[in-house]
Amino acid sequence: MTEAQVRTALTDMLREILNDPGLELPADRRESDIAKFDSGNKVMLILAIEERFAIRLRSREIDALRTFGDWVTLVHSHSTSAGGRQQD
């Protein structure tokens, strides 16, 4: 899966979780700049990512995330490793 595909998938997930179909997420957008993105929604996103991409995110990886681009890079790196599976 390409980074662009990961970005699209994550954007769609967040739009659904936050019930905001018009949400735009440039790579430099910080979590704190996303309205309604709280700790509960973050957990929902993590669970959705782990299920969708068949990966496990570590706490220290999640703690290091600062921007939406960081999320994309992390998920892409996991999804292209041996443990991730691709879905269309």
PDB file of N, CA and C in Angstrom:
ATOM      1  N   MET A   1       0.849  -1.175   0.000  1.00  0.00           N
ATOM      2  CA  MET A   1       0.000   0.000   0.000  1.00  0.00           C
ATOM      3  C   MET A   1       0.895   1.239   0.000  1.00  0.00           C
ATOM      4  N   THR A   2       0.577   2.186  -0.841  1.00  0.00           N
ATOM      5  CA  THR A   2       1.379   3.403  -0.933  1.00  0.00           C
ATOM      6  C   THR A   2       1.037   4.355   0.220  1.00  0.00           C
ATOM      7  N   GLU A   3       1.909   5.336   0.421  1.00  0.00           N
ATOM      8  CA  GLU A   3       1.626   6.334   1.463  1.00  0.00           C
ATOM      9  C   GLU A   3       0.356   7.099   1.131  1.00  0.00           C
ATOM     10  N   ALA A   4       0.126   7.364  -0.147  1.00  0.00           N
ATOM     11  CA  ALA A   4      -1.093   8.077  -0.550  1.00  0.00           C
ATOM     12  C   ALA A   4      -2.336   7.266  -0.202  1.00  0.00           C
ATOM     13  N   GLN A   5      -2.279   5.961  -0.393  1.00  0.00           N
ATOM     14  CA  GLN A   5      -3.410   5.100  -0.043  1.00  0.00           C
ATOM     15  C   GLN A   5      -3.625   5.067   1.470  1.00  0.00           C
ATOM     16  N   VAL A   6      -2.533   5.031   2.209  1.00  0.00           N
ATOM     17  CA  VAL A   6      -2.628   5.062   3.679  1.00  0.00           C
ATOM     18  C   VAL A   6      -3.240   6.387   4.113  1.00  0.00           C
ATOM     19  N   ARG A   7      -2.776   7.487   3.529  1.00  0.00           N
ATOM     20  CA  ARG A   7      -3.302   8.821   3.877  1.00  0.00           C
ATOM     21  C   ARG A   7      -4.818   8.871   3.616  1.00  0.00           C
ATOM     22  N   THR A   8      -5.239   8.357   2.481  1.00  0.00           N
ATOM     23  CA  THR A   8      -6.667   8.347   2.148  1.00  0.00           C
ATOM     24  C   THR A   8      -7.449   7.501   3.136  1.00  0.00           C
ATOM     25  N   ALA A   9      -6.949   6.323   3.462  1.00  0.00           N
ATOM     26  CA  ALA A   9      -7.625   5.434   4.404  1.00  0.00           C
ATOM     27  C   ALA A   9      -7.740   6.079   5.788  1.00  0.00           C
ATOM     28  N   LEU A  10      -6.651   6.695   6.269  1.00  0.00           N
ATOM     29  CA  LEU A  10      -6.676   7.333   7.585  1.00  0.00           C
ATOM     30  C   LEU A  10      -7.617   8.533   7.605  1.00  0.00           C
ATOM     31  N   THR A  11      -7.620   9.291   6.523  1.00  0.00           N
ATOM     32  CA  THR A  11      -8.532  10.434   6.431  1.00  0.00           C
ATOM     33  C   THR A  11      -9.974   9.951   6.496  1.00  0.00           C
ATOM     34  N   ASP A  12     -10.279   8.898   5.741  1.00  0.00           N
ATOM     35  CA  ASP A  12     -11.634   8.348   5.760  1.00  0.00           C
ATOM     36  C   ASP A  12     -12.015   7.852   7.156  1.00  0.00           C
ATOM     37  N   MET A  13     -11.071   7.193   7.835  1.00  0.00           N
ATOM     38  CA  MET A  13     -11.339   6.696   9.187  1.00  0.00           C
ATOM     39  C   MET A  13     -11.652   7.843  10.133  1.00  0.00           C
ATOM     40  N   LEU A  14     -10.834   8.890  10.086  1.00  0.00           N
ATOM     41  CA  LEU A  14     -11.058  10.027  10.986  1.00  0.00           C
ATOM     42  C   LEU A  14     -12.348  10.760  10.650  1.00  0.00           C
ATOM     43  N   ARG A  15     -12.656  10.872   9.367  1.00  0.00           N
ATOM     44  CA  ARG A  15     -13.922  11.504   8.985  1.00  0.00           C
ATOM     45  C   ARG A  15     -15.098  10.750   9.584  1.00  0.00           C
ATOM     46  N   GLU A  16     -15.024   9.421   9.551  1.00  0.00           N
ATOM     47  CA  GLU A  16     -16.103   8.612  10.105  1.00  0.00           C
ATOM     48  C   GLU A  16     -16.149   8.710  11.630  1.00  0.00           C
ATOM     49  N   ILE A  17     -14.998   8.581  12.280  1.00  0.00           N
ATOM     50  CA  ILE A  17     -14.934   8.632  13.745  1.00  0.00           C
ATOM     51  C   ILE A  17     -15.431   9.971  14.270  1.00  0.00           C
ATOM     52  N   LEU A  18     -15.032  11.058  13.606  1.00  0.00           N
ATOM     53  CA  LEU A  18     -15.398  12.402  14.058  1.00  0.00           C
ATOM     54  C   LEU A  18     -16.703  12.899  13.449  1.00  0.00           C
ATOM     55  N   ASN A  19     -17.312  12.076  12.578  1.00  0.00           N
ATOM     56  CA  ASN A  19     -18.540  12.462  11.890  1.00  0.00           C
ATOM     57  C   ASN A  19     -18.374  13.814  11.200  1.00  0.00           C
ATOM     58  N   ASP A  20     -17.292  13.927  10.423  1.00  0.00           N
ATOM     59  CA  ASP A  20     -16.955  15.166   9.728  1.00  0.00           C
ATOM     60  C   ASP A  20     -16.509  14.832   8.308  1.00  0.00           C
ATOM     61  N   PRO A  21     -17.465  14.666   7.372  1.00  0.00           N
ATOM     62  CA  PRO A  21     -17.121  14.234   6.019  1.00  0.00           C
ATOM     63  C   PRO A  21     -16.248  15.218   5.241  1.00  0.00           C
ATOM     64  N   GLY A  22     -16.173  16.447   5.665  1.00  0.00           N
ATOM     65  CA  GLY A  22     -15.371  17.444   4.967  1.00  0.00           C
ATOM     66  C   GLY A  22     -13.992  17.657   5.568  1.00  0.00           C
ATOM     67  N   LEU A  23     -13.631  16.851   6.555  1.00  0.00           N
ATOM     68  CA  LEU A  23     -12.360  17.022   7.258  1.00  0.00           C
ATOM     69  C   LEU A  23     -11.183  16.922   6.297  1.00  0.00           C
ATOM     70  N   GLU A  24     -10.312  17.902   6.334  1.00  0.00           N
ATOM     71  CA  GLU A  24      -9.082  17.902   5.540  1.00  0.00           C
ATOM     72  C   GLU A  24      -7.907  17.742   6.495  1.00  0.00           C
ATOM     73  N   LEU A  25      -6.956  16.886   6.110  1.00  0.00           N
ATOM     74  CA  LEU A  25      -5.830  16.586   6.995  1.00  0.00           C
ATOM     75  C   LEU A  25      -4.496  16.708   6.258  1.00  0.00           C
ATOM     76  N   PRO A  26      -3.973  17.926   6.153  1.00  0.00           N
ATOM     77  CA  PRO A  26      -2.641  18.066   5.576  1.00  0.00           C
ATOM     78  C   PRO A  26      -1.608  17.402   6.491  1.00  0.00           C
ATOM     79  N   ALA A  27      -0.478  17.025   5.925  1.00  0.00           N
ATOM     80  CA  ALA A  27       0.551  16.275   6.659  1.00  0.00           C
ATOM     81  C   ALA A  27       1.020  16.989   7.921  1.00  0.00           C
ATOM     82  N   ASP A  28       1.023  18.318   7.929  1.00  0.00           N
ATOM     83  CA  ASP A  28       1.550  19.056   9.075  1.00  0.00           C
ATOM     84  C   ASP A  28       0.484  19.387  10.131  1.00  0.00           C
ATOM     85  N   ARG A  29      -0.718  18.891   9.940  1.00  0.00           N
ATOM     86  CA  ARG A  29      -1.784  19.169  10.914  1.00  0.00           C
ATOM     87  C   ARG A  29      -1.575  18.364  12.182  1.00  0.00           C
ATOM     88  N   ARG A  30      -1.599  19.062  13.312  1.00  0.00           N
ATOM     89  CA  ARG A  30      -1.373  18.430  14.607  1.00  0.00           C
ATOM     90  C   ARG A  30      -2.697  17.901  15.166  1.00  0.00           C
ATOM     91  N   GLU A  31      -2.590  16.876  15.984  1.00  0.00           N
ATOM     92  CA  GLU A  31      -3.783  16.306  16.622  1.00  0.00           C
ATOM     93  C   GLU A  31      -4.578  17.385  17.357  1.00  0.00           C
ATOM     94  N   SER A  32      -3.875  18.247  18.055  1.00  0.00           N
ATOM     95  CA  SER A  32      -4.530  19.282  18.854  1.00  0.00           C
ATOM     96  C   SER A  32      -5.280  20.297  17.988  1.00  0.00           C
ATOM     97  N   ASP A  33      -5.007  20.320  16.678  1.00  0.00           N
ATOM     98  CA  ASP A  33      -5.680  21.243  15.768  1.00  0.00           C
ATOM     99  C   ASP A  33      -6.934  20.636  15.137  1.00  0.00           C
ATOM    100  N   ILE A  34      -7.221  19.387  15.468  1.00  0.00           N
ATOM    101  CA  ILE A  34      -8.380  18.714  14.890  1.00  0.00           C
ATOM    102  C   ILE A  34      -9.519  18.776  15.904  1.00  0.00           C
ATOM    103  N   ALA A  35     -10.558  19.509  15.548  1.00  0.00           N
ATOM    104  CA  ALA A  35     -11.713  19.650  16.439  1.00  0.00           C
ATOM    105  C   ALA A  35     -12.294  18.275  16.741  1.00  0.00           C
ATOM    106  N   LYS A  36     -12.687  18.072  17.959  1.00  0.00           N
ATOM    107  CA  LYS A  36     -13.319  16.833  18.441  1.00  0.00           C
ATOM    108  C   LYS A  36     -12.362  15.642  18.534  1.00  0.00           C
ATOM    109  N   PHE A  37     -11.076  15.824  18.250  1.00  0.00           N
ATOM    110  CA  PHE A  37     -10.140  14.704  18.354  1.00  0.00           C
ATOM    111  C   PHE A  37      -9.610  14.667  19.778  1.00  0.00           C
ATOM    112  N   ASP A  38     -10.255  13.840  20.596  1.00  0.00           N
ATOM    113  CA  ASP A  38      -9.874  13.715  21.992  1.00  0.00           C
ATOM    114  C   ASP A  38      -9.295  12.332  22.239  1.00  0.00           C
ATOM    115  N   SER A  39      -9.004  12.019  23.489  1.00  0.00           N
ATOM    116  CA  SER A  39      -8.358  10.739  23.801  1.00  0.00           C
ATOM    117  C   SER A  39      -9.242   9.548  23.429  1.00  0.00           C
ATOM    118  N   GLY A  40     -10.534   9.670  23.595  1.00  0.00           N
ATOM    119  CA  GLY A  40     -11.437   8.588  23.224  1.00  0.00           C
ATOM    120  C   GLY A  40     -11.433   8.324  21.725  1.00  0.00           C
ATOM    121  N   ASN A  41     -11.455   9.413  20.949  1.00  0.00           N
ATOM    122  CA  ASN A  41     -11.403   9.275  19.495  1.00  0.00           C
ATOM    123  C   ASN A  41     -10.049   8.755  19.035  1.00  0.00           C
ATOM    124  N   LYS A  42      -9.005   9.101  19.767  1.00  0.00           N
ATOM    125  CA  LYS A  42      -7.675   8.601  19.430  1.00  0.00           C
ATOM    126  C   LYS A  42      -7.627   7.084  19.605  1.00  0.00           C
ATOM    127  N   VAL A  43      -8.209   6.595  20.692  1.00  0.00           N
ATOM    128  CA  VAL A  43      -8.259   5.151  20.924  1.00  0.00           C
ATOM    129  C   VAL A  43      -9.064   4.474  19.814  1.00  0.00           C
ATOM    130  N   MET A  44     -10.183   5.078  19.435  1.00  0.00           N
ATOM    131  CA  MET A  44     -10.997   4.516  18.353  1.00  0.00           C
ATOM    132  C   MET A  44     -10.198   4.457  17.049  1.00  0.00           C
ATOM    133  N   LEU A  45      -9.418   5.501  16.774  1.00  0.00           N
ATOM    134  CA  LEU A  45      -8.595   5.521  15.561  1.00  0.00           C
ATOM    135  C   LEU A  45      -7.538   4.433  15.620  1.00  0.00           C
ATOM    136  N   ILE A  46      -6.875   4.295  16.738  1.00  0.00           N
ATOM    137  CA  ILE A  46      -5.838   3.263  16.896  1.00  0.00           C
ATOM    138  C   ILE A  46      -6.434   1.875  16.655  1.00  0.00           C
ATOM    139  N   LEU A  47      -7.569   1.604  17.271  1.00  0.00           N
ATOM    140  CA  LEU A  47      -8.213   0.299  17.091  1.00  0.00           C
ATOM    141  C   LEU A  47      -8.622   0.077  15.638  1.00  0.00           C
ATOM    142  N   ALA A  48      -9.149   1.108  14.998  1.00  0.00           N
ATOM    143  CA  ALA A  48      -9.550   0.994  13.592  1.00  0.00           C
ATOM    144  C   ALA A  48      -8.335   0.735  12.698  1.00  0.00           C
ATOM    145  N   ILE A  49      -7.233   1.421  12.981  1.00  0.00           N
ATOM    146  CA  ILE A  49      -6.003   1.231  12.210  1.00  0.00           C
ATOM    147  C   ILE A  49      -5.496  -0.194  12.376  1.00  0.00           C
ATOM    148  N   GLU A  50      -5.444  -0.646  13.613  1.00  0.00           N
ATOM    149  CA  GLU A  50      -4.929  -2.000  13.871  1.00  0.00           C
ATOM    150  C   GLU A  50      -5.781  -3.058  13.172  1.00  0.00           C
ATOM    151  N   GLU A  51      -7.081  -2.862  13.174  1.00  0.00           N
ATOM    152  CA  GLU A  51      -7.956  -3.830  12.504  1.00  0.00           C
ATOM    153  C   GLU A  51      -7.827  -3.728  10.984  1.00  0.00           C
ATOM    154  N   ARG A  52      -7.892  -2.536  10.450  1.00  0.00           N
ATOM    155  CA  ARG A  52      -7.873  -2.326   8.993  1.00  0.00           C
ATOM    156  C   ARG A  52      -6.573  -2.808   8.361  1.00  0.00           C
ATOM    157  N   PHE A  53      -5.456  -2.524   9.033  1.00  0.00           N
ATOM    158  CA  PHE A  53      -4.147  -2.831   8.453  1.00  0.00           C
ATOM    159  C   PHE A  53      -3.515  -4.094   9.044  1.00  0.00           C
ATOM    160  N   ALA A  54      -4.204  -4.736   9.969  1.00  0.00           N
ATOM    161  CA  ALA A  54      -3.689  -5.948  10.628  1.00  0.00           C
ATOM    162  C   ALA A  54      -2.296  -5.722  11.201  1.00  0.00           C
ATOM    163  N   ILE A  55      -2.173  -4.634  11.966  1.00  0.00           N
ATOM    164  CA  ILE A  55      -0.896  -4.278  12.589  1.00  0.00           C
ATOM    165  C   ILE A  55      -1.136  -4.014  14.070  1.00  0.00           C
ATOM    166  N   ARG A  56      -0.066  -3.931  14.822  1.00  0.00           N
ATOM    167  CA  ARG A  56      -0.127  -3.553  16.230  1.00  0.00           C
ATOM    168  C   ARG A  56       0.782  -2.346  16.430  1.00  0.00           C
ATOM    169  N   LEU A  57       0.209  -1.296  16.951  1.00  0.00           N
ATOM    170  CA  LEU A  57       0.983  -0.088  17.226  1.00  0.00           C
ATOM    171  C   LEU A  57       1.438  -0.121  18.682  1.00  0.00           C
ATOM    172  N   ARG A  58       2.677   0.228  18.907  1.00  0.00           N
ATOM    173  CA  ARG A  58       3.231   0.245  20.264  1.00  0.00           C
ATOM    174  C   ARG A  58       2.981   1.599  20.917  1.00  0.00           C
ATOM    175  N   SER A  59       2.847   1.577  22.223  1.00  0.00           N
ATOM    176  CA  SER A  59       2.590   2.806  22.977  1.00  0.00           C
ATOM    177  C   SER A  59       3.637   3.871  22.699  1.00  0.00           C
ATOM    178  N   ARG A  60       4.895   3.483  22.663  1.00  0.00           N
ATOM    179  CA  ARG A  60       5.953   4.487  22.445  1.00  0.00           C
ATOM    180  C   ARG A  60       5.871   5.088  21.041  1.00  0.00           C
ATOM    181  N   GLU A  61       5.396   4.300  20.074  1.00  0.00           N
ATOM    182  CA  GLU A  61       5.209   4.834  18.721  1.00  0.00           C
ATOM    183  C   GLU A  61       4.070   5.849  18.709  1.00  0.00           C
ATOM    184  N   ILE A  62       2.995   5.502  19.372  1.00  0.00           N
ATOM    185  CA  ILE A  62       1.835   6.386  19.424  1.00  0.00           C
ATOM    186  C   ILE A  62       2.178   7.675  20.158  1.00  0.00           C
ATOM    187  N   ASP A  63       2.921   7.574  21.241  1.00  0.00           N
ATOM    188  CA  ASP A  63       3.308   8.748  22.023  1.00  0.00           C
ATOM    189  C   ASP A  63       4.186   9.709  21.224  1.00  0.00           C
ATOM    190  N   ALA A  64       4.915   9.188  20.246  1.00  0.00           N
ATOM    191  CA  ALA A  64       5.824  10.021  19.451  1.00  0.00           C
ATOM    192  C   ALA A  64       5.116  10.749  18.310  1.00  0.00           C
ATOM    193  N   LEU A  65       3.858  10.423  18.038  1.00  0.00           N
ATOM    194  CA  LEU A  65       3.129  11.036  16.928  1.00  0.00           C
ATOM    195  C   LEU A  65       2.794  12.486  17.252  1.00  0.00           C
ATOM    196  N   ARG A  66       3.071  13.364  16.309  1.00  0.00           N
ATOM    197  CA  ARG A  66       2.782  14.785  16.501  1.00  0.00           C
ATOM    198  C   ARG A  66       1.836  15.332  15.431  1.00  0.00           C
ATOM    199  N   THR A  67       1.968  14.857  14.203  1.00  0.00           N
ATOM    200  CA  THR A  67       1.180  15.383  13.094  1.00  0.00           C
ATOM    201  C   THR A  67       0.479  14.248  12.358  1.00  0.00           C
ATOM    202  N   PHE A  68      -0.465  14.613  11.520  1.00  0.00           N
ATOM    203  CA  PHE A  68      -1.150  13.607  10.709  1.00  0.00           C
ATOM    204  C   PHE A  68      -0.148  12.896   9.799  1.00  0.00           C
ATOM    205  N   GLY A  69       0.847  13.624   9.315  1.00  0.00           N
ATOM    206  CA  GLY A  69       1.895  13.001   8.503  1.00  0.00           C
ATOM    207  C   GLY A  69       2.648  11.922   9.274  1.00  0.00           C
ATOM    208  N   ASP A  70       2.855  12.136  10.564  1.00  0.00           N
ATOM    209  CA  ASP A  70       3.500  11.118  11.404  1.00  0.00           C
ATOM    210  C   ASP A  70       2.654   9.850  11.459  1.00  0.00           C
ATOM    211  N   TRP A  71       1.334  10.007  11.576  1.00  0.00           N
ATOM    212  CA  TRP A  71       0.425   8.854  11.585  1.00  0.00           C
ATOM    213  C   TRP A  71       0.567   8.074  10.279  1.00  0.00           C
ATOM    214  N   VAL A  72       0.550   8.806   9.171  1.00  0.00           N
ATOM    215  CA  VAL A  72       0.645   8.159   7.854  1.00  0.00           C
ATOM    216  C   VAL A  72       1.952   7.392   7.732  1.00  0.00           C
ATOM    217  N   THR A  73       3.060   8.024   8.108  1.00  0.00           N
ATOM    218  CA  THR A  73       4.368   7.383   8.017  1.00  0.00           C
ATOM    219  C   THR A  73       4.431   6.127   8.877  1.00  0.00           C
ATOM    220  N   LEU A  74       3.921   6.209  10.098  1.00  0.00           N
ATOM    221  CA  LEU A  74       3.942   5.059  11.002  1.00  0.00           C
ATOM    222  C   LEU A  74       3.117   3.900  10.445  1.00  0.00           C
ATOM    223  N   VAL A  75       1.899   4.177  10.028  1.00  0.00           N
ATOM    224  CA  VAL A  75       1.034   3.113   9.507  1.00  0.00           C
ATOM    225  C   VAL A  75       1.626   2.534   8.231  1.00  0.00           C
ATOM    226  N   HIS A  76       2.146   3.388   7.366  1.00  0.00           N
ATOM    227  CA  HIS A  76       2.756   2.903   6.121  1.00  0.00           C
ATOM    228  C   HIS A  76       3.939   1.996   6.421  1.00  0.00           C
ATOM    229  N   SER A  77       4.764   2.371   7.370  1.00  0.00           N
ATOM    230  CA  SER A  77       5.932   1.548   7.687  1.00  0.00           C
ATOM    231  C   SER A  77       5.516   0.180   8.224  1.00  0.00           C
ATOM    232  N   HIS A  78       4.464   0.143   9.017  1.00  0.00           N
ATOM    233  CA  HIS A  78       3.956  -1.133   9.533  1.00  0.00           C
ATOM    234  C   HIS A  78       3.270  -1.950   8.443  1.00  0.00           C
ATOM    235  N   SER A  79       2.510  -1.287   7.602  1.00  0.00           N
ATOM    236  CA  SER A  79       1.719  -2.012   6.603  1.00  0.00           C
ATOM    237  C   SER A  79       2.585  -2.589   5.491  1.00  0.00           C
ATOM    238  N   THR A  80       3.788  -2.067   5.317  1.00  0.00           N
ATOM    239  CA  THR A  80       4.682  -2.606   4.288  1.00  0.00           C
ATOM    240  C   THR A  80       5.652  -3.631   4.862  1.00  0.00           C
ATOM    241  N   SER A  81       5.615  -3.792   6.194  1.00  0.00           N
ATOM    242  CA  SER A  81       6.471  -4.812   6.819  1.00  0.00           C
ATOM    243  C   SER A  81       5.808  -6.170   6.717  1.00  0.00           C
ATOM    244  N   ALA A  82       6.453  -7.182   7.165  1.00  0.00           N
ATOM    245  CA  ALA A  82       5.956  -8.562   7.044  1.00  0.00           C
ATOM    246  C   ALA A  82       4.623  -8.765   7.736  1.00  0.00           C
ATOM    247  N   GLY A  83       4.355  -8.016   8.825  1.00  0.00           N
ATOM    248  CA  GLY A  83       3.141  -8.251   9.588  1.00  0.00           C
ATOM    249  C   GLY A  83       1.893  -7.625   9.014  1.00  0.00           C
ATOM    250  N   GLY A  84       2.017  -6.612   8.159  1.00  0.00           N
ATOM    251  CA  GLY A  84       0.838  -5.933   7.641  1.00  0.00           C
ATOM    252  C   GLY A  84       0.240  -6.637   6.446  1.00  0.00           C
ATOM    253  N   ARG A  85      -1.059  -6.490   6.299  1.00  0.00           N
ATOM    254  CA  ARG A  85      -1.701  -7.049   5.111  1.00  0.00           C
ATOM    255  C   ARG A  85      -2.322  -5.909   4.335  1.00  0.00           C
ATOM    256  N   GLN A  86      -2.431  -6.091   3.061  1.00  0.00           N
ATOM    257  CA  GLN A  86      -3.013  -5.059   2.228  1.00  0.00           C
ATOM    258  C   GLN A  86      -4.456  -5.393   1.950  1.00  0.00           C
ATOM    259  N   GLN A  87      -5.288  -4.368   1.974  1.00  0.00           N
ATOM    260  CA  GLN A  87      -6.688  -4.526   1.619  1.00  0.00           C
ATOM    261  C   GLN A  87      -7.018  -3.469   0.594  1.00  0.00           C
ATOM    262  N   ASP A  88      -7.907  -3.803  -0.335  1.00  0.00           N
ATOM    263  CA  ASP A  88      -8.327  -2.807  -1.326  1.00  0.00           C
ATOM    264  C   ASP A  88      -9.590  -2.122  -0.912  1.00  0.00           C
TER     265      ASP A  88
END
